[in-house]
C-alpha atoms as a PDB file:
ATOM      1  CA  MET A   1      -0.016  -0.025  -0.017  1.00  0.00           C
ATOM      2  CA  SER A   2       1.415   3.396  -0.953  1.00  0.00           C
ATOM      3  CA  GLU A   3       1.817   6.056   1.704  1.00  0.00           C
ATOM      4  CA  GLN A   4      -1.565   7.272   2.907  1.00  0.00           C
ATOM      5  CA  VAL A   5      -2.150  10.274   5.145  1.00  0.00           C
ATOM      6  CA  LEU A   6      -5.339  10.459   7.179  1.00  0.00           C
ATOM      7  CA  PRO A   7      -7.369  13.568   6.440  1.00  0.00           C
ATOM      8  CA  LYS A   8      -7.324  15.922   9.560  1.00  0.00           C
ATOM      9  CA  ALA A   9     -11.035  15.315  10.208  1.00  0.00           C
ATOM     10  CA  TRP A  10     -10.592  11.510  10.316  1.00  0.00           C
ATOM     11  CA  GLU A  11      -7.312  11.723  12.340  1.00  0.00           C
ATOM     12  CA  SER A  12      -9.047  13.930  14.905  1.00  0.00           C
ATOM     13  CA  LEU A  13     -12.003  11.518  15.126  1.00  0.00           C
ATOM     14  CA  LEU A  14      -9.852   8.487  15.486  1.00  0.00           C
ATOM     15  CA  ASN A  15      -7.803  10.105  18.200  1.00  0.00           C
ATOM     16  CA  SER A  16     -10.695  11.564  20.232  1.00  0.00           C
ATOM     17  CA  ALA A  17     -13.647   9.128  19.927  1.00  0.00           C
ATOM     18  CA  SER A  18     -14.130   6.594  22.659  1.00  0.00           C
ATOM     19  CA  PHE A  19     -16.264   4.350  20.401  1.00  0.00           C
ATOM     20  CA  LEU A  20     -15.838   3.885  16.691  1.00  0.00           C
ATOM     21  CA  PRO A  21     -18.346   2.255  14.272  1.00  0.00           C
ATOM     22  CA  VAL A  22     -17.830  -1.299  13.169  1.00  0.00           C
ATOM     23  CA  ILE A  23     -19.951  -2.695  10.307  1.00  0.00           C
ATOM     24  CA  VAL A  24     -21.293  -6.091  11.335  1.00  0.00           C
ATOM     25  CA  LYS A  25     -22.925  -6.891   8.037  1.00  0.00           C
ATOM     26  CA  THR A  26     -23.626  -5.225   4.748  1.00  0.00           C
ATOM     27  CA  ILE A  27     -26.393  -6.643   2.495  1.00  0.00           C
ATOM     28  CA  GLU A  28     -27.997  -5.734  -0.839  1.00  0.00           C
ATOM     29  CA  ARG A  29     -31.586  -7.066  -0.955  1.00  0.00           C
ATOM     30  CA  PHE A  30     -34.421  -7.301  -3.452  1.00  0.00           C
ATOM     31  CA  PHE A  31     -37.906  -8.292  -2.284  1.00  0.00           C
ATOM     32  CA  ASP A  32     -40.950  -8.664  -4.467  1.00  0.00           C
ATOM     33  CA  VAL A  33     -44.517  -7.660  -3.504  1.00  0.00           C
ATOM     34  CA  ASN A  34     -45.317 -11.221  -2.467  1.00  0.00           C
ATOM     35  CA  TRP A  35     -42.489 -11.441   0.070  1.00  0.00           C
ATOM     36  CA  SER A  36     -43.320 -11.367   3.781  1.00  0.00           C
ATOM     37  CA  MET A  37     -41.393 -11.611   7.070  1.00  0.00           C
ATOM     38  CA  GLU A  38     -41.907 -11.963  10.652  1.00  0.00           C
ATOM     39  CA  PRO A  39     -40.755  -9.126  13.022  1.00  0.00           C
ATOM     40  CA  ASN A  40     -37.084  -9.479  14.035  1.00  0.00           C
ATOM     41  CA  ARG A  41     -34.768  -7.556  16.303  1.00  0.00           C
ATOM     42  CA  HIS A  42     -30.940  -7.086  16.605  1.00  0.00           C
ATOM     43  CA  GLN A  43     -28.472  -6.160  19.260  1.00  0.00           C
ATOM     44  CA  PHE A  44     -26.978  -3.558  16.880  1.00  0.00           C
ATOM     45  CA  TYR A  45     -28.099  -0.579  14.863  1.00  0.00           C
ATOM     46  CA  GLU A  46     -29.576  -1.208  11.414  1.00  0.00           C
ATOM     47  CA  MET A  47     -29.388   1.369   8.648  1.00  0.00           C
ATOM     48  CA  VAL A  48     -31.653   0.793   5.583  1.00  0.00           C
ATOM     49  CA  TYR A  49     -31.242   2.729   2.375  1.00  0.00           C
ATOM     50  CA  MET A  50     -34.001   2.273  -0.138  1.00  0.00           C
ATOM     51  CA  LYS A  51     -32.548   2.424  -3.668  1.00  0.00           C
ATOM     52  CA  ARG A  52     -35.779   1.593  -5.597  1.00  0.00           C
ATOM     53  CA  GLY A  53     -39.449   0.913  -4.832  1.00  0.00           C
ATOM     54  CA  THR A  54     -41.701   1.704  -1.889  1.00  0.00           C
ATOM     55  CA  GLY A  55     -42.622  -0.132   1.319  1.00  0.00           C
ATOM     56  CA  ILE A  56     -43.547   0.270   4.901  1.00  0.00           C
ATOM     57  CA  PHE A  57     -41.211  -0.601   7.788  1.00  0.00           C
ATOM     58  CA  GLU A  58     -43.058  -1.431  11.033  1.00  0.00           C
ATOM     59  CA  VAL A  59     -40.693  -0.457  13.812  1.00  0.00           C
ATOM     60  CA  ALA A  60     -41.852  -1.131  17.342  1.00  0.00           C
ATOM     61  CA  GLY A  61     -45.389  -0.807  16.227  1.00  0.00           C
ATOM     62  CA  HIS A  62     -44.848   2.406  14.240  1.00  0.00           C
ATOM     63  CA  PRO A  63     -45.540   2.312  10.512  1.00  0.00           C
ATOM     64  CA  VAL A  64     -42.769   4.108   8.570  1.00  0.00           C
ATOM     65  CA  PRO A  65     -43.347   4.678   4.820  1.00  0.00           C
ATOM     66  CA  ILE A  66     -40.030   4.352   2.954  1.00  0.00           C
ATOM     67  CA  GLY A  67     -39.274   5.193  -0.652  1.00  0.00           C
ATOM     68  CA  PRO A  68     -36.395   5.954  -3.063  1.00  0.00           C
ATOM     69  CA  ASN A  69     -33.464   7.640  -1.318  1.00  0.00           C
ATOM     70  CA  ASP A  70     -34.953   7.301   2.100  1.00  0.00           C
ATOM     71  CA  ILE A  71     -32.694   6.281   4.979  1.00  0.00           C
ATOM     72  CA  LEU A  72     -34.023   4.633   8.048  1.00  0.00           C
ATOM     73  CA  ILE A  73     -31.902   3.996  11.155  1.00  0.00           C
ATOM     74  CA  ILE A  74     -33.390   1.455  13.544  1.00  0.00           C
ATOM     75  CA  LYS A  75     -32.119   1.464  17.078  1.00  0.00           C
ATOM     76  CA  PRO A  76     -30.945  -1.752  18.873  1.00  0.00           C
ATOM     77  CA  GLU A  77     -33.547  -4.193  20.238  1.00  0.00           C
ATOM     78  CA  GLN A  78     -36.502  -2.619  18.295  1.00  0.00           C
ATOM     79  CA  PRO A  79     -38.800  -5.229  16.585  1.00  0.00           C
ATOM     80  CA  HIS A  80     -39.178  -4.429  12.979  1.00  0.00           C
ATOM     81  CA  LYS A  81     -40.298  -5.865   9.670  1.00  0.00           C
ATOM     82  CA  VAL A  82     -40.808  -4.542   6.161  1.00  0.00           C
ATOM     83  CA  ILE A  83     -43.913  -4.776   3.832  1.00  0.00           C
ATOM     84  CA  VAL A  84     -43.243  -4.321   0.153  1.00  0.00           C
ATOM     85  CA  LYS A  85     -45.745  -1.998  -1.544  1.00  0.00           C
ATOM     86  CA  SER A  86     -44.525  -1.413  -5.065  1.00  0.00           C
ATOM     87  CA  GLU A  87     -45.524  -3.959  -7.763  1.00  0.00           C
ATOM     88  CA  SER A  88     -42.006  -4.022  -9.152  1.00  0.00           C
ATOM     89  CA  GLY A  89     -40.474  -4.868  -5.786  1.00  0.00           C
ATOM     90  CA  CYS A  90     -37.899  -3.109  -3.595  1.00  0.00           C
ATOM     91  CA  ASP A  91     -34.103  -2.773  -3.793  1.00  0.00           C
ATOM     92  CA  PHE A  92     -32.335  -1.701  -0.681  1.00  0.00           C
ATOM     93  CA  ILE A  93     -29.080  -1.756   1.193  1.00  0.00           C
ATOM     94  CA  VAL A  94     -28.847  -2.798   4.803  1.00  0.00           C
ATOM     95  CA  LEU A  95     -25.895  -1.963   7.111  1.00  0.00           C
ATOM     96  CA  ASN A  96     -25.818  -3.542  10.580  1.00  0.00           C
ATOM     97  CA  PHE A  97     -23.368  -1.790  12.856  1.00  0.00           C
ATOM     98  CA  LYS A  98     -22.115  -1.434  16.463  1.00  0.00           C
ATOM     99  CA  PHE A  99     -19.412   0.565  18.123  1.00  0.00           C
ATOM    100  CA  SER A 100     -16.069  -0.657  19.343  1.00  0.00           C
ATOM    101  CA  ASN A 101     -14.395   0.765  22.446  1.00  0.00           C
ATOM    102  CA  GLN A 102     -10.883   1.805  21.364  1.00  0.00           C
ATOM    103  CA  VAL A 103      -9.472   1.361  24.853  1.00  0.00           C
ATOM    104  CA  ASN A 104     -10.250  -2.333  25.440  1.00  0.00           C
ATOM    105  CA  ALA A 105     -11.740  -3.426  22.143  1.00  0.00           C
ATOM    106  CA  GLU A 106     -15.063  -4.274  23.724  1.00  0.00           C
ATOM    107  CA  TYR A 107     -18.218  -3.607  21.904  1.00  0.00           C
ATOM    108  CA  SER A 108     -20.866  -1.084  22.942  1.00  0.00           C
ATOM    109  CA  GLU A 109     -24.533  -0.495  22.085  1.00  0.00           C
ATOM    110  CA  ALA A 110     -23.619   3.174  22.502  1.00  0.00           C
ATOM    111  CA  SER A 111     -22.120   5.229  19.808  1.00  0.00           C
ATOM    112  CA  LEU A 112     -19.884   8.179  18.896  1.00  0.00           C
ATOM    113  CA  GLU A 113     -20.589  10.976  21.367  1.00  0.00           C
ATOM    114  CA  ASP A 114     -22.150  13.246  18.847  1.00  0.00           C
ATOM    115  CA  PHE A 115     -24.162  10.474  17.282  1.00  0.00           C
ATOM    116  CA  LEU A 116     -25.286   9.086  20.599  1.00  0.00           C
ATOM    117  CA  ASN A 117     -26.773  12.361  21.858  1.00  0.00           C
ATOM    118  CA  PHE A 118     -29.575  12.236  19.368  1.00  0.00           C
ATOM    119  CA  VAL A 119     -29.676   8.672  17.942  1.00  0.00           C
ATOM    120  CA  SER A 120     -29.875   6.957  21.311  1.00  0.00           C
ATOM    121  CA  GLY A 121     -32.084   9.531  22.956  1.00  0.00           C
ATOM    122  CA  LYS A 122     -35.785   9.264  23.561  1.00  0.00           C
ATOM    123  CA  GLU A 123     -36.471  12.427  21.543  1.00  0.00           C
ATOM    124  CA  SER A 124     -36.486  10.537  18.197  1.00  0.00           C
ATOM    125  CA  GLY A 125     -38.171   7.256  19.355  1.00  0.00           C
ATOM    126  CA  PRO A 126     -37.106   3.720  18.150  1.00  0.00           C
ATOM    127  CA  TYR A 127     -35.919   4.994  14.751  1.00  0.00           C
ATOM    128  CA  ILE A 128     -34.783   7.972  12.751  1.00  0.00           C
ATOM    129  CA  ALA A 129     -35.804   8.529   9.124  1.00  0.00           C
ATOM    130  CA  LEU A 130     -33.686  10.683   6.781  1.00  0.00           C
ATOM    131  CA  LYS A 131     -34.693  11.902   3.322  1.00  0.00           C
ATOM    132  CA  VAL A 132     -31.690  12.503   1.074  1.00  0.00           C
ATOM    133  CA  SER A 133     -31.187  13.198  -2.604  1.00  0.00           C
ATOM    134  CA  GLN A 134     -29.732  10.661  -4.987  1.00  0.00           C
ATOM    135  CA  LYS A 135     -26.534  12.659  -5.313  1.00  0.00           C
ATOM    136  CA  ASN A 136     -26.180  13.043  -1.455  1.00  0.00           C
ATOM    137  CA  GLU A 137     -22.723  12.277  -0.086  1.00  0.00           C
ATOM    138  CA  ILE A 138     -24.108   9.582   2.152  1.00  0.00           C
ATOM    139  CA  ILE A 139     -25.600   7.722  -0.796  1.00  0.00           C
ATOM    140  CA  THR A 140     -22.278   8.031  -2.764  1.00  0.00           C
ATOM    141  CA  LEU A 141     -20.410   6.596   0.205  1.00  0.00           C
ATOM    142  CA  LEU A 142     -22.799   3.709   0.656  1.00  0.00           C
ATOM    143  CA  ASN A 143     -22.230   2.692  -2.953  1.00  0.00           C
ATOM    144  CA  ARG A 144     -18.531   3.038  -2.578  1.00  0.00           C
ATOM    145  CA  LEU A 145     -18.614   0.874   0.590  1.00  0.00           C
ATOM    146  CA  LEU A 146     -20.391  -1.868  -1.315  1.00  0.00           C
ATOM    147  CA  LYS A 147     -17.871  -1.658  -4.172  1.00  0.00           C
ATOM    148  CA  GLU A 148     -14.875  -1.672  -1.794  1.00  0.00           C
ATOM    149  CA  ARG A 149     -16.306  -4.552   0.175  1.00  0.00           C
ATOM    150  CA  ASP A 150     -15.844  -6.798  -2.879  1.00  0.00           C
ATOM    151  CA  SER A 151     -12.462  -5.474  -3.833  1.00  0.00           C
ATOM    152  CA  VAL A 152      -9.285  -7.602  -3.584  1.00  0.00           C
ATOM    153  CA  GLU A 153      -6.923  -4.710  -4.103  1.00  0.00           C
ATOM    154  CA  ILE A 154      -4.131  -3.963  -1.589  1.00  0.00           C
ATOM    155  CA  GLY A 155      -5.339  -1.615   1.069  1.00  0.00           C
ATOM    156  CA  SER A 156      -8.994  -2.299   0.546  1.00  0.00           C
ATOM    157  CA  ASP A 157      -9.600  -3.112   4.244  1.00  0.00           C
ATOM    158  CA  PHE A 158      -8.021   0.232   5.284  1.00  0.00           C
ATOM    159  CA  MET A 159     -10.017   2.094   2.660  1.00  0.00           C
ATOM    160  CA  ASN A 160     -13.229   0.339   3.802  1.00  0.00           C
ATOM    161  CA  TYR A 161     -12.557   1.517   7.345  1.00  0.00           C
ATOM    162  CA  LEU A 162     -12.020   5.112   6.330  1.00  0.00           C
ATOM    163  CA  LEU A 163     -15.183   5.044   4.269  1.00  0.00           C
ATOM    164  CA  VAL A 164     -17.140   3.794   7.292  1.00  0.00           C
ATOM    165  CA  MET A 165     -15.662   6.585   9.430  1.00  0.00           C
ATOM    166  CA  GLU A 166     -16.529   9.255   6.829  1.00  0.00           C
ATOM    167  CA  LEU A 167     -20.059   7.716   6.445  1.00  0.00           C
ATOM    168  CA  PHE A 168     -20.773   8.129  10.139  1.00  0.00           C
ATOM    169  CA  VAL A 169     -19.409  11.686  10.191  1.00  0.00           C
ATOM    170  CA  LEU A 170     -21.840  12.559   7.420  1.00  0.00           C
ATOM    171  CA  ILE A 171     -24.744  10.727   9.109  1.00  0.00           C
ATOM    172  CA  SER A 172     -23.946  12.587  12.308  1.00  0.00           C
ATOM    173  CA  ARG A 173     -24.105  15.882  10.415  1.00  0.00           C
ATOM    174  CA  ALA A 174     -27.377  14.921   8.763  1.00  0.00           C
ATOM    175  CA  LEU A 175     -28.860  13.935  12.098  1.00  0.00           C
ATOM    176  CA  LYS A 176     -27.744  17.234  13.620  1.00  0.00           C
ATOM    177  CA  MET A 177     -29.611  19.054  10.800  1.00  0.00           C
ATOM    178  CA  GLU A 178     -32.709  16.990  11.513  1.00  0.00           C
ATOM    179  CA  TRP A 179     -32.470  17.765  15.115  1.00  0.00           C
ATOM    180  CA  GLU A 180     -32.110  21.528  14.498  1.00  0.00           C
ATOM    181  CA  ASN A 181     -35.024  21.426  12.041  1.00  0.00           C
ATOM    182  CA  SER A 182     -37.228  19.541  14.569  1.00  0.00           C
ATOM    183  CA  ILE A 183     -36.744  22.200  17.202  1.00  0.00           C
ATOM    184  CA  LYS A 184     -37.006  25.388  15.110  1.00  0.00           C
ATOM    185  CA  THR A 185     -40.772  25.267  15.382  1.00  0.00           C
ATOM    186  CA  LYS A 186     -40.806  24.085  19.025  1.00  0.00           C
ATOM    187  CA  SER A 187     -40.210  27.284  20.970  1.00  0.00           C
ATOM    188  CA  PRO A 188     -40.526  25.578  24.408  1.00  0.00           C
ATOM    189  CA  LYS A 189     -38.014  22.935  23.409  1.00  0.00           C
ATOM    190  CA  LEU A 190     -35.558  25.476  22.112  1.00  0.00           C
ATOM    191  CA  LYS A 191     -35.985  27.548  25.312  1.00  0.00           C
ATOM    192  CA  GLU A 192     -35.303  24.351  27.299  1.00  0.00           C
ATOM    193  CA  LEU A 193     -32.141  23.587  25.308  1.00  0.00           C
ATOM    194  CA  MET A 194     -30.824  27.053  25.895  1.00  0.00           C
ATOM    195  CA  GLN A 195     -31.385  26.688  29.624  1.00  0.00           C
ATOM    196  CA  VAL A 196     -29.617  23.383  29.538  1.00  0.00           C
ATOM    197  CA  SER A 197     -26.638  25.028  27.819  1.00  0.00           C
ATOM    198  CA  VAL A 198     -26.697  27.894  30.421  1.00  0.00           C
ATOM    199  CA  ASN A 199     -26.555  25.261  33.200  1.00  0.00           C
ATOM    200  CA  TYR A 200     -23.783  23.513  31.363  1.00  0.00           C
ATOM    201  CA  ILE A 201     -21.679  26.737  31.237  1.00  0.00           C
ATOM    202  CA  ASN A 202     -22.387  27.593  34.925  1.00  0.00           C
ATOM    203  CA  ASN A 203     -21.306  24.089  35.939  1.00  0.00           C
ATOM    204  CA  ASN A 204     -18.228  23.783  33.693  1.00  0.00           C
ATOM    205  CA  PHE A 205     -16.881  27.346  33.281  1.00  0.00           C
ATOM    206  CA  GLU A 206     -13.658  26.411  35.220  1.00  0.00           C
ATOM    207  CA  ARG A 207     -12.864  23.814  32.590  1.00  0.00           C
ATOM    208  CA  ASP A 208     -11.230  24.599  29.161  1.00  0.00           C
ATOM    209  CA  ILE A 209     -14.587  24.497  27.317  1.00  0.00           C
ATOM    210  CA  SER A 210     -15.170  26.062  23.848  1.00  0.00           C
ATOM    211  CA  LEU A 211     -18.124  27.142  21.889  1.00  0.00           C
ATOM    212  CA  ASN A 212     -18.033  23.752  20.106  1.00  0.00           C
ATOM    213  CA  ASP A 213     -18.193  21.946  23.443  1.00  0.00           C
ATOM    214  CA  ILE A 214     -21.237  23.905  24.558  1.00  0.00           C
ATOM    215  CA  ALA A 215     -23.046  23.481  21.212  1.00  0.00           C
ATOM    216  CA  ARG A 216     -22.192  19.817  21.138  1.00  0.00           C
ATOM    217  CA  PHE A 217     -23.710  19.284  24.542  1.00  0.00           C
ATOM    218  CA  VAL A 218     -27.149  20.240  23.158  1.00  0.00           C
ATOM    219  CA  PHE A 219     -26.379  18.671  19.728  1.00  0.00           C
ATOM    220  CA  LEU A 220     -26.579  21.858  17.680  1.00  0.00           C
ATOM    221  CA  SER A 221     -24.175  23.307  15.194  1.00  0.00           C
ATOM    222  CA  PRO A 222     -22.113  26.208  16.641  1.00  0.00           C
ATOM    223  CA  SER A 223     -23.614  28.707  14.180  1.00  0.00           C
ATOM    224  CA  TYR A 224     -27.248  27.788  14.928  1.00  0.00           C
ATOM    225  CA  PHE A 225     -26.581  27.429  18.593  1.00  0.00           C
ATOM    226  CA  THR A 226     -24.906  30.895  18.817  1.00  0.00           C
ATOM    227  CA  ARG A 227     -27.944  32.561  17.097  1.00  0.00           C
ATOM    228  CA  ALA A 228     -30.496  30.751  19.292  1.00  0.00           C
ATOM    229  CA  PHE A 229     -28.527  31.435  22.480  1.00  0.00           C
ATOM    230  CA  LYS A 230     -28.246  35.127  21.763  1.00  0.00           C
ATOM    231  CA  GLU A 231     -31.935  35.409  20.839  1.00  0.00           C
ATOM    232  CA  GLU A 232     -32.841  33.746  24.178  1.00  0.00           C
ATOM    233  CA  THR A 233     -30.371  35.433  26.518  1.00  0.00           C
ATOM    234  CA  GLY A 234     -29.409  38.676  24.702  1.00  0.00           C
ATOM    235  CA  ILE A 235     -25.683  37.644  24.905  1.00  0.00           C
ATOM    236  CA  SER A 236     -23.527  35.345  22.866  1.00  0.00           C
ATOM    237  CA  PRO A 237     -22.468  32.072  24.460  1.00  0.00           C
ATOM    238  CA  ILE A 238     -18.791  32.889  24.658  1.00  0.00           C
ATOM    239  CA  ASN A 239     -19.476  36.327  26.190  1.00  0.00           C
ATOM    240  CA  TYR A 240     -21.715  34.588  28.735  1.00  0.00           C
ATOM    241  CA  LEU A 241     -18.992  32.082  29.534  1.00  0.00           C
ATOM    242  CA  LEU A 242     -16.500  34.955  30.062  1.00  0.00           C
ATOM    243  CA  LYS A 243     -19.008  36.880  32.190  1.00  0.00           C
ATOM    244  CA  VAL A 244     -19.485  33.829  34.508  1.00  0.00           C
ATOM    245  CA  ARG A 245     -15.677  33.388  34.806  1.00  0.00           C
ATOM    246  CA  VAL A 246     -15.169  37.035  35.573  1.00  0.00           C
ATOM    247  CA  ASN A 247     -17.915  37.059  38.179  1.00  0.00           C
ATOM    248  CA  ARG A 248     -16.381  34.096  39.917  1.00  0.00           C
ATOM    249  CA  ALA A 249     -12.952  35.750  39.761  1.00  0.00           C
ATOM    250  CA  LYS A 250     -14.403  38.784  41.499  1.00  0.00           C
ATOM    251  CA  GLU A 251     -15.524  36.621  44.368  1.00  0.00           C
ATOM    252  CA  LEU A 252     -12.097  34.911  44.733  1.00  0.00           C
ATOM    253  CA  LEU A 253     -10.283  38.231  44.542  1.00  0.00           C
ATOM    254  CA  THR A 254     -12.358  39.841  47.394  1.00  0.00           C
ATOM    255  CA  ASP A 255     -13.052  36.762  49.490  1.00  0.00           C
ATOM    256  CA  THR A 256      -9.712  34.874  49.372  1.00  0.00           C
ATOM    257  CA  GLU A 257      -5.991  35.576  49.283  1.00  0.00           C
ATOM    258  CA  MET A 258      -5.392  33.296  46.366  1.00  0.00           C
ATOM    259  CA  LYS A 259      -2.638  34.381  43.930  1.00  0.00           C
ATOM    260  CA  ILE A 260      -3.819  35.989  40.723  1.00  0.00           C
ATOM    261  CA  SER A 261      -2.246  33.213  38.604  1.00  0.00           C
ATOM    262  CA  ASP A 262      -4.128  30.574  40.641  1.00  0.00           C
ATOM    263  CA  ILE A 263      -7.407  32.425  40.320  1.00  0.00           C
ATOM    264  CA  ALA A 264      -6.968  32.655  36.533  1.00  0.00           C
ATOM    265  CA  LEU A 265      -6.553  28.813  36.391  1.00  0.00           C
ATOM    266  CA  ASN A 266      -9.383  28.256  38.824  1.00  0.00           C
ATOM    267  CA  VAL A 267     -11.882  30.132  36.648  1.00  0.00           C
ATOM    268  CA  GLY A 268     -10.969  28.480  33.371  1.00  0.00           C
ATOM    269  CA  PHE A 269      -8.153  30.619  31.798  1.00  0.00           C
ATOM    270  CA  SER A 270      -5.122  28.859  30.526  1.00  0.00           C
ATOM    271  CA  ASN A 271      -2.796  31.728  31.381  1.00  0.00           C
ATOM    272  CA  GLN A 272      -2.788  34.866  33.570  1.00  0.00           C
ATOM    273  CA  GLN A 273      -2.198  37.344  30.716  1.00  0.00           C
ATOM    274  CA  ARG A 274      -5.454  36.298  28.975  1.00  0.00           C
ATOM    275  CA  PHE A 275      -7.201  36.448  32.246  1.00  0.00           C
ATOM    276  CA  ASN A 276      -5.968  40.006  33.020  1.00  0.00           C
ATOM    277  CA  GLU A 277      -7.062  41.189  29.509  1.00  0.00           C
ATOM    278  CA  ILE A 278     -10.584  39.777  29.860  1.00  0.00           C
ATOM    279  CA  PHE A 279     -11.002  40.871  33.457  1.00  0.00           C
ATOM    280  CA  LYS A 280     -10.028  44.385  32.668  1.00  0.00           C
ATOM    281  CA  LYS A 281     -12.284  44.476  29.659  1.00  0.00           C
ATOM    282  CA  HIS A 282     -15.251  43.485  31.775  1.00  0.00           C
ATOM    283  CA  THR A 283     -14.505  45.571  34.997  1.00  0.00           C
ATOM    284  CA  ARG A 284     -12.180  48.351  33.806  1.00  0.00           C
ATOM    285  CA  PHE A 285      -9.781  47.169  36.617  1.00  0.00           C
ATOM    286  CA  ALA A 286      -6.780  44.961  36.516  1.00  0.00           C
ATOM    287  CA  PRO A 287      -7.312  42.000  38.931  1.00  0.00           C
ATOM    288  CA  LEU A 288      -4.943  43.345  41.498  1.00  0.00           C
ATOM    289  CA  GLN A 289      -6.486  46.801  41.367  1.00  0.00           C
ATOM    290  CA  TYR A 290      -9.926  45.197  41.780  1.00  0.00           C
ATOM    291  CA  ARG A 291      -8.716  43.280  44.815  1.00  0.00           C
ATOM    292  CA  LYS A 292      -7.261  46.492  46.505  1.00  0.00           C
ATOM    293  CA  GLN A 293     -10.493  48.441  45.695  1.00  0.00           C
ATOM    294  CA  TYR A 294     -13.049  45.872  46.909  1.00  0.00           C
ATOM    295  CA  MET A 295     -11.179  43.540  49.311  1.00  0.00           C
ATOM    296  CA  LYS A 296     -13.404  42.766  52.288  1.00  0.00           C
END
């Protein structure tokens, strides 16, 4: 195999994710209108991509219509079956997958952190349905996976693994968009999520958290989260985070004799210089000046 360098997105994911996707089985199926099946269930996730035809999946008692370019993700242990509706039958691809713990190689019913927040949550029920176009990147990757699966070329296993990783990154993004779309018209739900993010900041401000960390906690994209947070609170999430840190620093400056450098670290700043700049911007005092002015 010639030298291959992992794209930065993949390399980051490989290094940071606790659980990584493992394809258990990949199947291409064709069923005609006379085919029938009894409900079955699996210990792993099942992703169904309908290439041609129409049908109905019954998932945990919920009828789910599925047609060309629909993707259905069925969660573990959910009874399901398919009923073919189109006279010409149905062509679809099925991927069964689970997640491998990179530390001890055990398998988990959980998933990548981003994926898990929505996919495993009660918000979406026993399944998630995605509607994509024929030219969607997910569809392109599914077809490449099937082609690579049958390849005997050198490095095909490695390529297959990278394609799986990219597939789940794209699915995670698609699910995030579904999540955002589902709450845009639900004002109480959006309000609840913003309160959750405020609580997250209040409880974690002393850690080295970023905008991405906060947005990820409520499974929203940073851009959408920033707009929603500012509309709800009147302040950007980063400015709110800095405000919380500065307010806690004020308390430590006036109620304790801690060193300025220790206070900076205690409230989440990586160095004292950055702390001094932010503190003075918010209070018009340098930290030492503030302590002399307001020390109890």
